[in-house]
Amino acid sequence: MENITQGHWIFAAIFALVFIIGIAAAYIKDAKIHKIHYKGFYVFFAALIIFIFLLFVFKDFLR
């Protein structure tokens, strides 16, 4: 940690800022496509969560 200079911190801050902006721009661009192709995702995700919950419930119940 003693070899980290102020220039390293400035580079890290600029890199993080540009990376976050790039990720946000890609998400906004793809949001329209996701609405078309992933319509039933929330139903599938809810069913998956319920299934995992039931596995935990029955694991203790059947023991």
PDB file of N, CA and C in Angstrom:
ATOM      1  N   MET A   1       0.819  -1.199   0.000  1.00  0.00           N
ATOM      2  CA  MET A   1       0.000   0.000   0.000  1.00  0.00           C
ATOM      3  C   MET A   1       0.862   1.261   0.000  1.00  0.00           C
ATOM      4  N   GLU A   2       2.089   1.156   0.420  1.00  0.00           N
ATOM      5  CA  GLU A   2       2.917   2.352   0.522  1.00  0.00           C
ATOM      6  C   GLU A   2       3.409   2.844  -0.833  1.00  0.00           C
ATOM      7  N   ASN A   3       3.348   2.014  -1.876  1.00  0.00           N
ATOM      8  CA  ASN A   3       3.811   2.418  -3.198  1.00  0.00           C
ATOM      9  C   ASN A   3       2.707   3.014  -4.064  1.00  0.00           C
ATOM     10  N   ILE A   4       1.517   3.169  -3.531  1.00  0.00           N
ATOM     11  CA  ILE A   4       0.414   3.734  -4.299  1.00  0.00           C
ATOM     12  C   ILE A   4       0.494   5.253  -4.220  1.00  0.00           C
ATOM     13  N   THR A   5       0.659   5.859  -5.385  1.00  0.00           N
ATOM     14  CA  THR A   5       0.802   7.312  -5.424  1.00  0.00           C
ATOM     15  C   THR A   5      -0.537   7.976  -5.721  1.00  0.00           C
ATOM     16  N   GLN A   6      -0.518   9.285  -5.685  1.00  0.00           N
ATOM     17  CA  GLN A   6      -1.725  10.044  -5.985  1.00  0.00           C
ATOM     18  C   GLN A   6      -2.147   9.824  -7.435  1.00  0.00           C
ATOM     19  N   GLY A   7      -1.195   9.606  -8.336  1.00  0.00           N
ATOM     20  CA  GLY A   7      -1.506   9.334  -9.729  1.00  0.00           C
ATOM     21  C   GLY A   7      -2.279   8.027  -9.903  1.00  0.00           C
ATOM     22  N   HIS A   8      -1.925   7.027  -9.092  1.00  0.00           N
ATOM     23  CA  HIS A   8      -2.665   5.767  -9.136  1.00  0.00           C
ATOM     24  C   HIS A   8      -4.118   5.980  -8.737  1.00  0.00           C
ATOM     25  N   TRP A   9      -4.333   6.757  -7.689  1.00  0.00           N
ATOM     26  CA  TRP A   9      -5.703   7.001  -7.222  1.00  0.00           C
ATOM     27  C   TRP A   9      -6.502   7.780  -8.255  1.00  0.00           C
ATOM     28  N   ILE A  10      -5.865   8.742  -8.915  1.00  0.00           N
ATOM     29  CA  ILE A  10      -6.555   9.520  -9.951  1.00  0.00           C
ATOM     30  C   ILE A  10      -6.925   8.603 -11.119  1.00  0.00           C
ATOM     31  N   PHE A  11      -5.983   7.747 -11.541  1.00  0.00           N
ATOM     32  CA  PHE A  11      -6.275   6.801 -12.618  1.00  0.00           C
ATOM     33  C   PHE A  11      -7.422   5.872 -12.226  1.00  0.00           C
ATOM     34  N   ALA A  12      -7.407   5.361 -11.008  1.00  0.00           N
ATOM     35  CA  ALA A  12      -8.453   4.445 -10.552  1.00  0.00           C
ATOM     36  C   ALA A  12      -9.808   5.137 -10.545  1.00  0.00           C
ATOM     37  N   ALA A  13      -9.862   6.382 -10.102  1.00  0.00           N
ATOM     38  CA  ALA A  13     -11.127   7.118 -10.057  1.00  0.00           C
ATOM     39  C   ALA A  13     -11.663   7.378 -11.462  1.00  0.00           C
ATOM     40  N   ILE A  14     -10.783   7.789 -12.369  1.00  0.00           N
ATOM     41  CA  ILE A  14     -11.214   8.058 -13.747  1.00  0.00           C
ATOM     42  C   ILE A  14     -11.660   6.758 -14.419  1.00  0.00           C
ATOM     43  N   PHE A  15     -10.902   5.679 -14.214  1.00  0.00           N
ATOM     44  CA  PHE A  15     -11.260   4.392 -14.793  1.00  0.00           C
ATOM     45  C   PHE A  15     -12.624   3.931 -14.284  1.00  0.00           C
ATOM     46  N   ALA A  16     -12.856   4.023 -12.975  1.00  0.00           N
ATOM     47  CA  ALA A  16     -14.130   3.598 -12.395  1.00  0.00           C
ATOM     48  C   ALA A  16     -15.284   4.436 -12.949  1.00  0.00           C
ATOM     49  N   LEU A  17     -15.086   5.730 -13.062  1.00  0.00           N
ATOM     50  CA  LEU A  17     -16.127   6.609 -13.572  1.00  0.00           C
ATOM     51  C   LEU A  17     -16.476   6.267 -15.025  1.00  0.00           C
ATOM     52  N   VAL A  18     -15.464   6.099 -15.862  1.00  0.00           N
ATOM     53  CA  VAL A  18     -15.706   5.770 -17.271  1.00  0.00           C
ATOM     54  C   VAL A  18     -16.344   4.391 -17.392  1.00  0.00           C
ATOM     55  N   PHE A  19     -15.905   3.432 -16.576  1.00  0.00           N
ATOM     56  CA  PHE A  19     -16.469   2.092 -16.609  1.00  0.00           C
ATOM     57  C   PHE A  19     -17.948   2.114 -16.232  1.00  0.00           C
ATOM     58  N   ILE A  20     -18.302   2.836 -15.185  1.00  0.00           N
ATOM     59  CA  ILE A  20     -19.695   2.920 -14.747  1.00  0.00           C
ATOM     60  C   ILE A  20     -20.557   3.598 -15.810  1.00  0.00           C
ATOM     61  N   ILE A  21     -20.045   4.644 -16.423  1.00  0.00           N
ATOM     62  CA  ILE A  21     -20.796   5.324 -17.485  1.00  0.00           C
ATOM     63  C   ILE A  21     -20.988   4.382 -18.672  1.00  0.00           C
ATOM     64  N   GLY A  22     -19.960   3.615 -19.024  1.00  0.00           N
ATOM     65  CA  GLY A  22     -20.070   2.673 -20.130  1.00  0.00           C
ATOM     66  C   GLY A  22     -21.080   1.571 -19.854  1.00  0.00           C
ATOM     67  N   ILE A  23     -21.073   1.039 -18.650  1.00  0.00           N
ATOM     68  CA  ILE A  23     -22.032  -0.001 -18.279  1.00  0.00           C
ATOM     69  C   ILE A  23     -23.457   0.557 -18.318  1.00  0.00           C
ATOM     70  N   ALA A  24     -23.659   1.763 -17.800  1.00  0.00           N
ATOM     71  CA  ALA A  24     -24.984   2.379 -17.803  1.00  0.00           C
ATOM     72  C   ALA A  24     -25.465   2.628 -19.227  1.00  0.00           C
ATOM     73  N   ALA A  25     -24.585   3.096 -20.097  1.00  0.00           N
ATOM     74  CA  ALA A  25     -24.966   3.353 -21.492  1.00  0.00           C
ATOM     75  C   ALA A  25     -25.350   2.049 -22.195  1.00  0.00           C
ATOM     76  N   ALA A  26     -24.610   0.977 -21.950  1.00  0.00           N
ATOM     77  CA  ALA A  26     -24.934  -0.307 -22.570  1.00  0.00           C
ATOM     78  C   ALA A  26     -26.271  -0.830 -22.058  1.00  0.00           C
ATOM     79  N   TYR A  27     -26.534  -0.653 -20.770  1.00  0.00           N
ATOM     80  CA  TYR A  27     -27.802  -1.121 -20.203  1.00  0.00           C
ATOM     81  C   TYR A  27     -28.973  -0.348 -20.801  1.00  0.00           C
ATOM     82  N   ILE A  28     -28.839   0.963 -20.903  1.00  0.00           N
ATOM     83  CA  ILE A  28     -29.925   1.783 -21.453  1.00  0.00           C
ATOM     84  C   ILE A  28     -30.177   1.397 -22.920  1.00  0.00           C
ATOM     85  N   LYS A  29     -29.099   1.147 -23.669  1.00  0.00           N
ATOM     86  CA  LYS A  29     -29.234   0.760 -25.070  1.00  0.00           C
ATOM     87  C   LYS A  29     -29.941  -0.587 -25.207  1.00  0.00           C
ATOM     88  N   ASP A  30     -29.623  -1.539 -24.332  1.00  0.00           N
ATOM     89  CA  ASP A  30     -30.192  -2.881 -24.431  1.00  0.00           C
ATOM     90  C   ASP A  30     -31.536  -3.034 -23.725  1.00  0.00           C
ATOM     91  N   ALA A  31     -31.977  -2.052 -22.993  1.00  0.00           N
ATOM     92  CA  ALA A  31     -33.222  -2.177 -22.223  1.00  0.00           C
ATOM     93  C   ALA A  31     -34.425  -2.432 -23.129  1.00  0.00           C
ATOM     94  N   LYS A  32     -34.448  -1.798 -24.288  1.00  0.00           N
ATOM     95  CA  LYS A  32     -35.566  -2.001 -25.220  1.00  0.00           C
ATOM     96  C   LYS A  32     -35.603  -3.441 -25.741  1.00  0.00           C
ATOM     97  N   ILE A  33     -34.439  -3.981 -26.047  1.00  0.00           N
ATOM     98  CA  ILE A  33     -34.364  -5.356 -26.550  1.00  0.00           C
ATOM     99  C   ILE A  33     -34.763  -6.337 -25.457  1.00  0.00           C
ATOM    100  N   HIS A  34     -34.355  -6.077 -24.230  1.00  0.00           N
ATOM    101  CA  HIS A  34     -34.684  -6.978 -23.121  1.00  0.00           C
ATOM    102  C   HIS A  34     -36.187  -7.061 -22.889  1.00  0.00           C
ATOM    103  N   LYS A  35     -36.897  -5.972 -23.085  1.00  0.00           N
ATOM    104  CA  LYS A  35     -38.355  -5.987 -22.912  1.00  0.00           C
ATOM    105  C   LYS A  35     -39.017  -6.909 -23.934  1.00  0.00           C
ATOM    106  N   ILE A  36     -38.428  -7.015 -25.113  1.00  0.00           N
ATOM    107  CA  ILE A  36     -39.002  -7.855 -26.166  1.00  0.00           C
ATOM    108  C   ILE A  36     -38.671  -9.332 -25.934  1.00  0.00           C
ATOM    109  N   HIS A  37     -37.422  -9.628 -25.657  1.00  0.00           N
ATOM    110  CA  HIS A  37     -36.960 -11.011 -25.622  1.00  0.00           C
ATOM    111  C   HIS A  37     -37.128 -11.703 -24.272  1.00  0.00           C
ATOM    112  N   TYR A  38     -37.242 -10.965 -23.202  1.00  0.00           N
ATOM    113  CA  TYR A  38     -37.306 -11.561 -21.863  1.00  0.00           C
ATOM    114  C   TYR A  38     -38.613 -11.221 -21.166  1.00  0.00           C
ATOM    115  N   LYS A  39     -39.733 -11.424 -21.852  1.00  0.00           N
ATOM    116  CA  LYS A  39     -41.040 -11.069 -21.296  1.00  0.00           C
ATOM    117  C   LYS A  39     -41.401 -11.913 -20.085  1.00  0.00           C
ATOM    118  N   GLY A  40     -41.199 -13.220 -20.137  1.00  0.00           N
ATOM    119  CA  GLY A  40     -41.630 -14.100 -19.059  1.00  0.00           C
ATOM    120  C   GLY A  40     -40.579 -14.347 -18.001  1.00  0.00           C
ATOM    121  N   PHE A  41     -39.542 -13.535 -17.961  1.00  0.00           N
ATOM    122  CA  PHE A  41     -38.453 -13.768 -17.026  1.00  0.00           C
ATOM    123  C   PHE A  41     -38.916 -13.681 -15.578  1.00  0.00           C
ATOM    124  N   TYR A  42     -39.742 -12.717 -15.247  1.00  0.00           N
ATOM    125  CA  TYR A  42     -40.153 -12.534 -13.850  1.00  0.00           C
ATOM    126  C   TYR A  42     -40.973 -13.714 -13.343  1.00  0.00           C
ATOM    127  N   VAL A  43     -41.786 -14.295 -14.191  1.00  0.00           N
ATOM    128  CA  VAL A  43     -42.558 -15.478 -13.802  1.00  0.00           C
ATOM    129  C   VAL A  43     -41.611 -16.650 -13.553  1.00  0.00           C
ATOM    130  N   PHE A  44     -40.649 -16.844 -14.449  1.00  0.00           N
ATOM    131  CA  PHE A  44     -39.672 -17.913 -14.279  1.00  0.00           C
ATOM    132  C   PHE A  44     -38.840 -17.701 -13.027  1.00  0.00           C
ATOM    133  N   PHE A  45     -38.388 -16.473 -12.794  1.00  0.00           N
ATOM    134  CA  PHE A  45     -37.569 -16.159 -11.621  1.00  0.00           C
ATOM    135  C   PHE A  45     -38.351 -16.387 -10.330  1.00  0.00           C
ATOM    136  N   ALA A  46     -39.615 -15.987 -10.293  1.00  0.00           N
ATOM    137  CA  ALA A  46     -40.450 -16.202  -9.107  1.00  0.00           C
ATOM    138  C   ALA A  46     -40.643 -17.692  -8.862  1.00  0.00           C
ATOM    139  N   ALA A  47     -40.867 -18.469  -9.922  1.00  0.00           N
ATOM    140  CA  ALA A  47     -41.027 -19.911  -9.770  1.00  0.00           C
ATOM    141  C   ALA A  47     -39.740 -20.553  -9.266  1.00  0.00           C
ATOM    142  N   LEU A  48     -38.605 -20.082  -9.739  1.00  0.00           N
ATOM    143  CA  LEU A  48     -37.320 -20.604  -9.282  1.00  0.00           C
ATOM    144  C   LEU A  48     -37.097 -20.321  -7.800  1.00  0.00           C
ATOM    145  N   ILE A  49     -37.407 -19.120  -7.364  1.00  0.00           N
ATOM    146  CA  ILE A  49     -37.248 -18.757  -5.948  1.00  0.00           C
ATOM    147  C   ILE A  49     -38.177 -19.594  -5.079  1.00  0.00           C
ATOM    148  N   ILE A  50     -39.416 -19.773  -5.509  1.00  0.00           N
ATOM    149  CA  ILE A  50     -40.371 -20.599  -4.746  1.00  0.00           C
ATOM    150  C   ILE A  50     -39.887 -22.043  -4.677  1.00  0.00           C
ATOM    151  N   PHE A  51     -39.362 -22.580  -5.785  1.00  0.00           N
ATOM    152  CA  PHE A  51     -38.852 -23.940  -5.811  1.00  0.00           C
ATOM    153  C   PHE A  51     -37.689 -24.115  -4.839  1.00  0.00           C
ATOM    154  N   ILE A  52     -36.745 -23.175  -4.826  1.00  0.00           N
ATOM    155  CA  ILE A  52     -35.612 -23.248  -3.905  1.00  0.00           C
ATOM    156  C   ILE A  52     -36.091 -23.148  -2.463  1.00  0.00           C
ATOM    157  N   PHE A  53     -37.045 -22.274  -2.194  1.00  0.00           N
ATOM    158  CA  PHE A  53     -37.610 -22.148  -0.843  1.00  0.00           C
ATOM    159  C   PHE A  53     -38.254 -23.456  -0.409  1.00  0.00           C
ATOM    160  N   LEU A  54     -39.010 -24.074  -1.308  1.00  0.00           N
ATOM    161  CA  LEU A  54     -39.662 -25.343  -0.975  1.00  0.00           C
ATOM    162  C   LEU A  54     -38.645 -26.454  -0.733  1.00  0.00           C
ATOM    163  N   LEU A  55     -37.549 -26.444  -1.455  1.00  0.00           N
ATOM    164  CA  LEU A  55     -36.494 -27.424  -1.204  1.00  0.00           C
ATOM    165  C   LEU A  55     -35.958 -27.302   0.221  1.00  0.00           C
ATOM    166  N   PHE A  56     -35.722 -26.088   0.670  1.00  0.00           N
ATOM    167  CA  PHE A  56     -35.238 -25.889   2.029  1.00  0.00           C
ATOM    168  C   PHE A  56     -36.284 -26.286   3.065  1.00  0.00           C
ATOM    169  N   VAL A  57     -37.538 -25.970   2.800  1.00  0.00           N
ATOM    170  CA  VAL A  57     -38.609 -26.317   3.738  1.00  0.00           C
ATOM    171  C   VAL A  57     -38.745 -27.826   3.852  1.00  0.00           C
ATOM    172  N   PHE A  58     -38.795 -28.515   2.726  1.00  0.00           N
ATOM    173  CA  PHE A  58     -38.979 -29.963   2.756  1.00  0.00           C
ATOM    174  C   PHE A  58     -37.735 -30.707   3.234  1.00  0.00           C
ATOM    175  N   LYS A  59     -36.554 -30.115   3.061  1.00  0.00           N
ATOM    176  CA  LYS A  59     -35.340 -30.742   3.551  1.00  0.00           C
ATOM    177  C   LYS A  59     -35.409 -30.906   5.065  1.00  0.00           C
ATOM    178  N   ASP A  60     -35.826 -29.877   5.754  1.00  0.00           N
ATOM    179  CA  ASP A  60     -35.952 -29.948   7.216  1.00  0.00           C
ATOM    180  C   ASP A  60     -37.181 -30.740   7.631  1.00  0.00           C
ATOM    181  N   PHE A  61     -38.225 -30.682   6.846  1.00  0.00           N
ATOM    182  CA  PHE A  61     -39.480 -31.365   7.179  1.00  0.00           C
ATOM    183  C   PHE A  61     -39.330 -32.880   7.073  1.00  0.00           C
ATOM    184  N   LEU A  62     -38.604 -33.355   6.064  1.00  0.00           N
ATOM    185  CA  LEU A  62     -38.492 -34.792   5.814  1.00  0.00           C
ATOM    186  C   LEU A  62     -37.357 -35.448   6.595  1.00  0.00           C
ATOM    187  N   ARG A  63     -36.604 -34.699   7.311  1.00  0.00           N
ATOM    188  CA  ARG A  63     -35.484 -35.219   8.060  1.00  0.00           C
ATOM    189  C   ARG A  63     -35.892 -35.956   9.298  1.00  0.00           C
TER     190      ARG A  63
END
